[in-house]
Amino acid sequence: MQNNRPENMEEVLKKAEVLIEALPYIQKFNRKIIVVKYGGSAMSDEELQKNVIKDVTLLKLVGFKPIIVHGGGKEISRWVGKVGKESQFVNGLRVTDAETMEIAEMVLNKVNKSLVTMVQELGVRAVGVSGKDGGLLTVDKKYADGQDIGFVGNIREVNPKVLYDLLEKDFLPIVAPVGLDEDFQTYNINADDAACAIAKAVGADKLVFLTDIEGLYKDVNDKSSFISRLTAGQAEELIGGGFIGGGMLPKLSNCTSAIQNGVNRVHILDGRIPHCLLLEIFTNQGIGTAIVREGEE
C-alpha cells in the first residue's frame, strides 16, 4: 500500500493559501490589459530575464491580456562601444545620430525576437512588433532643453489597432520602442514614454515599470520613507515639492499622466527581485509602489 502523504504538510498548506490569496485578483483582472515596461538589470541578467518572462506568461495563462514594452539601453551602449563610438546622454536621453539609430534598431529587434522566443518556449504564442508596424507609434523630433539630440522621438500618436488585433487572436504582443515621423524617418523612443503612451491608448487596467530600485521613497537616503501606495495627486505633490529627482522624475511624471488618462493603477517594481510582478499583483501585501486614482481601494 502506497503512502503519498507529504512529509511537510504545513508547506503544502501554505502553497494552497497562496493560491487562494491570488484568487480574487485573478477574478478582478480577468480579461484586463496590463502593460509591462521591461528594462534595467532584469533584462541583462539571464536568470531574472527568465523569471520576468515566466511571470508575464503566467499572467496571460490566468486570463490577463499582457503587452510587453521593452528597452535595450545597456545592450545598445555595448554595441555602440563595439564600433568605437561613445554613448552620450542629455537629461537621460541617448544622443542618437544616424549610425547610432541604425545600431539601436538592430539591437532592439534582436532583443525583441529573443523575448518572443522565451515566451514561446513556455507555450504561449507571442508576436514582436516595433512602433513602425501598423503605424503603432508616430513621433515628432524630441529636443532636450532645446538641444538637438538627433533621432530621438516624442510620441505624437498611438494607433493601437495592431495590438488589439493581436490580443484578440490570443497573441502576447512584445513592442520595441522605435517609431516613424510623418516623413517615415526612423526614431528611437524612450521605452518608459512608449509604455506610458501605449497603456493610455489601449485603456490598460495596469501599467508596470520594472526598474532597478525598490519603489518610491520620499527621501531616497531614508529607507523608512518608503511609499507603498499613493494617489496620482500625492505623486504630483511630491514632484512639485522637489522630493523626486534624477531618473525617477520623468518616470513618476509618466505614472501620473497614465492615471489621469484612464489607466487604473501604475506599479513601480524592483525587477531585480525574482517574480516581483506576481508578488505585487497577486498578494495582499505587494512589494513595490502602487500609484492609484483618487478614492480607489
Protein backbone atom coordinates (compact mmCIF):
# COMPACT_ATOMS: atom_id res chain seq x y z
CA MET A 1 0.00 0.00 0.00
CA GLN A 2 1.48 3.36 -1.07
CA ASN A 3 1.67 6.33 1.28
CA ASN A 4 1.75 9.59 -0.71
CA ARG A 5 1.23 11.87 2.30
CA PRO A 6 3.66 14.82 2.05
CA GLU A 7 6.37 14.92 4.70
CA ASN A 8 5.82 18.59 5.45
CA MET A 9 2.07 19.17 5.38
CA GLU A 10 2.50 22.76 6.60
CA GLU A 11 4.45 23.73 3.47
CA VAL A 12 1.82 22.17 1.24
CA LEU A 13 -0.97 24.05 3.03
CA LYS A 14 0.98 27.31 2.64
CA LYS A 15 1.00 26.75 -1.13
CA ALA A 16 -2.78 26.37 -1.05
CA GLU A 17 -3.10 29.60 0.95
CA VAL A 18 -1.00 31.46 -1.64
CA LEU A 19 -3.28 30.24 -4.44
CA ILE A 20 -6.42 31.23 -2.50
CA GLU A 21 -4.95 34.69 -1.78
CA ALA A 22 -4.40 35.14 -5.53
CA LEU A 23 -7.96 34.11 -6.47
CA PRO A 24 -9.77 37.48 -6.01
CA TYR A 25 -7.04 39.24 -8.02
CA ILE A 26 -7.31 36.69 -10.83
CA GLN A 27 -11.10 37.21 -10.87
CA LYS A 28 -10.82 41.01 -10.74
CA PHE A 29 -8.31 41.37 -13.57
CA ASN A 30 -9.58 38.63 -15.88
CA ARG A 31 -9.53 39.87 -19.50
CA LYS A 32 -7.97 43.20 -18.42
CA ILE A 33 -4.96 44.63 -20.29
CA ILE A 34 -1.69 45.04 -18.39
CA VAL A 35 1.30 46.84 -19.97
CA VAL A 36 4.70 45.79 -18.60
CA LYS A 37 7.68 48.06 -19.28
CA TYR A 38 10.65 45.75 -19.14
CA GLY A 39 14.22 47.05 -18.79
CA GLY A 40 17.10 47.62 -16.40
CA SER A 41 19.05 44.86 -14.66
CA ALA A 42 16.16 42.40 -15.01
CA MET A 43 16.93 42.47 -18.70
CA SER A 44 20.69 41.93 -18.56
CA ASP A 45 20.64 39.05 -16.05
CA GLU A 46 19.63 35.79 -17.74
CA GLU A 47 18.01 34.25 -14.64
CA LEU A 48 15.98 37.39 -13.88
CA GLN A 49 15.02 37.62 -17.55
CA LYS A 50 13.56 34.12 -17.43
CA ASN A 51 11.66 34.94 -14.21
CA VAL A 52 10.07 38.04 -15.73
CA ILE A 53 9.01 36.15 -18.84
CA LYS A 54 7.59 33.32 -16.69
CA ASP A 55 5.62 35.91 -14.67
CA VAL A 56 4.16 37.57 -17.77
CA THR A 57 3.36 34.18 -19.31
CA LEU A 58 1.55 33.15 -16.13
CA LEU A 59 -0.47 36.40 -16.20
CA LYS A 60 -1.51 35.52 -19.76
CA LEU A 61 -2.48 31.97 -18.82
CA VAL A 62 -4.68 33.06 -15.88
CA GLY A 63 -6.68 35.48 -18.04
CA PHE A 64 -4.80 38.80 -18.20
CA LYS A 65 -4.01 40.39 -21.56
CA PRO A 66 -0.35 41.43 -21.14
CA ILE A 67 1.65 43.63 -23.52
CA ILE A 68 5.43 43.88 -23.02
CA VAL A 69 7.23 47.10 -23.99
CA HIS A 70 10.99 46.62 -23.70
CA GLY A 71 14.07 48.78 -23.72
CA GLY A 72 17.60 47.77 -24.59
CA GLY A 73 19.74 50.64 -23.36
CA LYS A 74 22.63 48.67 -21.87
CA GLU A 75 22.84 46.39 -24.90
CA ILE A 76 22.71 49.37 -27.29
CA SER A 77 25.57 51.05 -25.37
CA ARG A 78 27.59 47.82 -25.63
CA TRP A 79 27.18 47.66 -29.40
CA VAL A 80 27.82 51.39 -29.85
CA GLY A 81 31.12 50.79 -27.98
CA LYS A 82 31.95 47.90 -30.30
CA VAL A 83 32.02 50.23 -33.31
CA GLY A 84 34.33 52.61 -31.45
CA LYS A 85 31.75 55.24 -30.51
CA GLU A 86 30.99 56.57 -27.06
CA SER A 87 27.39 56.74 -25.78
CA GLN A 88 26.27 60.25 -24.89
CA PHE A 89 23.19 61.22 -22.87
CA VAL A 90 21.40 64.52 -22.27
CA ASN A 91 18.79 64.51 -19.46
CA GLY A 92 18.78 60.71 -19.56
CA LEU A 93 18.09 60.60 -23.33
CA ARG A 94 20.56 58.94 -25.69
CA VAL A 95 22.07 61.29 -28.27
CA THR A 96 21.21 59.38 -31.45
CA ASP A 97 22.99 60.19 -34.72
CA ALA A 98 22.21 58.19 -37.90
CA GLU A 99 24.78 55.46 -37.15
CA THR A 100 23.62 55.09 -33.53
CA MET A 101 20.00 54.90 -34.74
CA GLU A 102 20.92 52.04 -37.06
CA ILE A 103 22.67 50.19 -34.21
CA ALA A 104 19.78 50.85 -31.79
CA GLU A 105 17.19 49.46 -34.20
CA MET A 106 19.25 46.33 -34.88
CA VAL A 107 19.81 45.71 -31.16
CA LEU A 108 16.16 46.33 -30.24
CA ASN A 109 14.99 43.92 -32.96
CA LYS A 110 17.45 41.29 -31.68
CA VAL A 111 16.20 41.77 -28.08
CA ASN A 112 12.59 41.69 -29.29
CA LYS A 113 12.90 38.34 -31.05
CA SER A 114 14.82 36.84 -28.14
CA LEU A 115 11.90 37.74 -25.82
CA VAL A 116 9.41 36.29 -28.32
CA THR A 117 11.39 33.05 -28.31
CA MET A 118 11.45 32.87 -24.49
CA VAL A 119 7.67 33.34 -24.28
CA GLN A 120 7.02 30.72 -26.95
CA GLU A 121 9.28 28.23 -25.17
CA LEU A 122 6.78 28.47 -22.28
CA GLY A 123 3.87 27.55 -24.54
CA VAL A 124 2.36 30.99 -25.19
CA ARG A 125 2.22 32.50 -28.68
CA ALA A 126 3.94 35.88 -28.91
CA VAL A 127 4.44 38.38 -31.72
CA GLY A 128 7.18 41.01 -31.73
CA VAL A 129 6.45 44.38 -33.32
CA SER A 130 8.11 47.78 -33.33
CA GLY A 131 6.35 51.13 -33.27
CA LYS A 132 6.78 51.19 -37.05
CA ASP A 133 4.40 48.25 -37.56
CA GLY A 134 0.82 49.18 -38.47
CA GLY A 135 1.59 52.83 -37.69
CA LEU A 136 1.67 51.96 -33.99
CA LEU A 137 3.86 54.91 -32.89
CA THR A 138 4.04 58.18 -34.82
CA VAL A 139 6.59 60.65 -33.49
CA ASP A 140 7.92 64.18 -33.75
CA LYS A 141 11.55 65.04 -33.17
CA LYS A 142 12.31 65.42 -29.47
CA TYR A 143 14.64 68.08 -28.06
CA ALA A 144 16.34 68.03 -24.65
CA ASP A 145 16.06 71.54 -23.16
CA GLY A 146 16.16 72.97 -26.68
CA GLN A 147 19.20 70.87 -27.60
CA ASP A 148 19.19 68.75 -30.77
CA ILE A 149 19.88 65.15 -29.71
CA GLY A 150 19.39 63.53 -33.12
CA PHE A 151 16.87 60.82 -33.97
CA VAL A 152 15.01 60.73 -30.65
CA GLY A 153 11.24 60.69 -30.99
CA ASN A 154 8.48 62.30 -28.97
CA ILE A 155 5.29 60.25 -29.38
CA ARG A 156 2.59 62.24 -31.15
CA GLU A 157 0.07 59.50 -31.82
CA VAL A 158 -0.56 55.85 -30.97
CA ASN A 159 -2.61 53.63 -33.28
CA PRO A 160 -3.31 50.58 -31.11
CA LYS A 161 -5.21 48.58 -33.77
CA VAL A 162 -2.33 46.17 -34.36
CA LEU A 163 -2.15 45.46 -30.60
CA TYR A 164 -5.94 44.95 -30.30
CA ASP A 165 -5.83 42.55 -33.25
CA LEU A 166 -3.01 40.52 -31.67
CA LEU A 167 -4.72 40.40 -28.26
CA GLU A 168 -7.99 39.35 -29.86
CA LYS A 169 -6.24 36.46 -31.64
CA ASP A 170 -4.71 35.41 -28.28
CA PHE A 171 -1.13 36.53 -29.01
CA LEU A 172 1.12 38.26 -26.48
CA PRO A 173 2.45 41.45 -28.17
CA ILE A 174 6.07 42.47 -27.47
CA VAL A 175 6.88 46.04 -28.56
CA ALA A 176 10.26 47.57 -29.44
CA PRO A 177 10.30 51.38 -28.90
CA VAL A 178 11.10 52.60 -32.42
CA GLY A 179 8.75 54.86 -34.40
CA LEU A 180 8.34 56.87 -37.58
CA ASP A 181 7.72 60.57 -38.15
CA GLU A 182 5.35 61.88 -40.86
CA ASP A 183 8.21 61.68 -43.39
CA PHE A 184 8.78 57.99 -42.46
CA GLN A 185 12.13 58.71 -40.81
CA THR A 186 13.05 56.23 -38.06
CA TYR A 187 13.38 57.48 -34.46
CA ASN A 188 14.48 55.91 -31.19
CA ILE A 189 11.90 56.33 -28.37
CA ASN A 190 12.41 56.25 -24.63
CA ALA A 191 10.88 52.90 -23.53
CA ASP A 192 9.15 54.45 -20.46
CA ASP A 193 7.45 57.00 -22.75
CA ALA A 194 6.42 54.25 -25.18
CA ALA A 195 4.94 52.06 -22.40
CA CYS A 196 3.01 55.00 -20.94
CA ALA A 197 1.60 56.11 -24.33
CA ILE A 198 0.60 52.55 -25.23
CA ALA A 199 -1.05 51.95 -21.83
CA LYS A 200 -3.15 55.10 -22.31
CA ALA A 201 -4.08 54.22 -25.89
CA VAL A 202 -5.23 50.65 -25.15
CA GLY A 203 -7.03 51.63 -21.92
CA ALA A 204 -4.80 49.36 -19.82
CA ASP A 205 -6.03 48.50 -16.35
CA LYS A 206 -2.43 48.37 -15.10
CA LEU A 207 0.94 49.76 -16.17
CA VAL A 208 4.01 48.21 -14.55
CA PHE A 209 7.54 49.64 -14.62
CA LEU A 210 10.29 47.12 -13.81
CA THR A 211 13.19 49.22 -12.50
CA ASP A 212 16.46 48.94 -10.59
CA ILE A 213 15.04 50.40 -7.37
CA GLU A 214 12.66 49.01 -4.73
CA GLY A 215 9.99 51.62 -5.44
CA LEU A 216 9.39 55.19 -4.36
CA TYR A 217 10.96 56.94 -1.36
CA LYS A 218 10.01 60.38 -0.05
CA ASP A 219 13.70 60.69 0.87
CA VAL A 220 15.92 58.38 -1.16
CA ASN A 221 18.51 58.36 1.67
CA ASP A 222 15.95 57.28 4.29
CA LYS A 223 14.78 53.69 3.83
CA SER A 224 11.96 54.23 6.35
CA SER A 225 10.38 56.79 3.98
CA PHE A 226 9.33 54.06 1.50
CA ILE A 227 5.90 54.71 -0.05
CA SER A 228 3.93 51.56 -0.89
CA ARG A 229 0.81 53.33 -2.14
CA LEU A 230 -0.12 56.87 -3.14
CA THR A 231 -2.62 58.66 -5.34
CA ALA A 232 -1.71 60.50 -8.55
CA GLY A 233 -2.40 63.79 -6.73
CA GLN A 234 0.01 62.88 -3.93
CA ALA A 235 2.62 61.93 -6.55
CA GLU A 236 2.27 65.37 -8.16
CA GLU A 237 2.71 67.00 -4.74
CA LEU A 238 5.98 65.07 -4.27
CA ILE A 239 7.19 66.21 -7.71
CA GLY A 240 6.13 69.83 -7.03
CA GLY A 241 7.79 69.77 -3.59
CA GLY A 242 11.14 68.80 -5.12
CA PHE A 243 11.27 65.43 -3.33
CA ILE A 244 11.75 63.48 -6.56
CA GLY A 245 14.83 63.86 -8.71
CA GLY A 246 17.09 62.09 -11.18
CA GLY A 247 15.72 59.31 -13.37
CA MET A 248 12.68 58.84 -11.14
CA LEU A 249 11.25 62.27 -12.05
CA PRO A 250 10.25 61.50 -15.68
CA LYS A 251 9.13 58.01 -14.62
CA LEU A 252 6.81 59.38 -11.93
CA SER A 253 5.51 62.04 -14.34
CA ASN A 254 4.67 59.22 -16.78
CA CYS A 255 2.87 57.38 -13.95
CA THR A 256 0.64 60.35 -13.03
CA SER A 257 -0.05 61.07 -16.71
CA ALA A 258 -1.15 57.44 -17.23
CA ILE A 259 -3.55 57.59 -14.24
CA GLN A 260 -5.00 60.90 -15.46
CA ASN A 261 -5.60 59.34 -18.88
CA GLY A 262 -7.59 56.28 -17.85
CA VAL A 263 -5.06 53.73 -16.54
CA ASN A 264 -6.40 52.46 -13.20
CA ARG A 265 -3.17 51.66 -11.42
CA VAL A 266 0.58 52.05 -12.04
CA HIS A 267 3.20 49.93 -10.28
CA ILE A 268 6.91 50.71 -9.83
CA LEU A 269 8.72 47.45 -9.02
CA ASP A 270 12.27 46.29 -8.41
CA GLY A 271 12.93 43.99 -11.38
CA ARG A 272 15.94 42.52 -9.54
CA ILE A 273 13.58 40.69 -7.16
CA PRO A 274 12.60 37.29 -8.61
CA HIS A 275 8.88 37.13 -9.51
CA CYS A 276 8.26 40.72 -8.33
CA LEU A 277 5.41 41.00 -10.81
CA LEU A 278 3.45 38.11 -9.27
CA LEU A 279 4.19 39.26 -5.71
CA GLU A 280 2.87 42.75 -6.41
CA ILE A 281 -0.25 41.75 -8.33
CA PHE A 282 -1.37 38.57 -6.58
CA THR A 283 -0.63 39.19 -2.89
CA ASN A 284 -2.39 41.42 -0.36
CA GLN A 285 0.88 42.96 0.81
CA GLY A 286 2.59 43.72 -2.52
CA ILE A 287 6.26 44.70 -2.67
CA GLY A 288 6.64 47.87 -4.74
CA THR A 289 4.94 51.25 -5.05
CA ALA A 290 1.40 51.45 -6.44
CA ILE A 291 0.04 54.74 -7.79
CA VAL A 292 -3.75 54.80 -7.86
CA ARG A 293 -6.66 57.05 -8.75
CA GLU A 294 -8.21 59.23 -6.06
CA GLY A 295 -10.56 57.15 -3.91
CA GLU A 296 -9.57 53.75 -5.32
CA GLU A 297 -9.42 50.87 -2.85
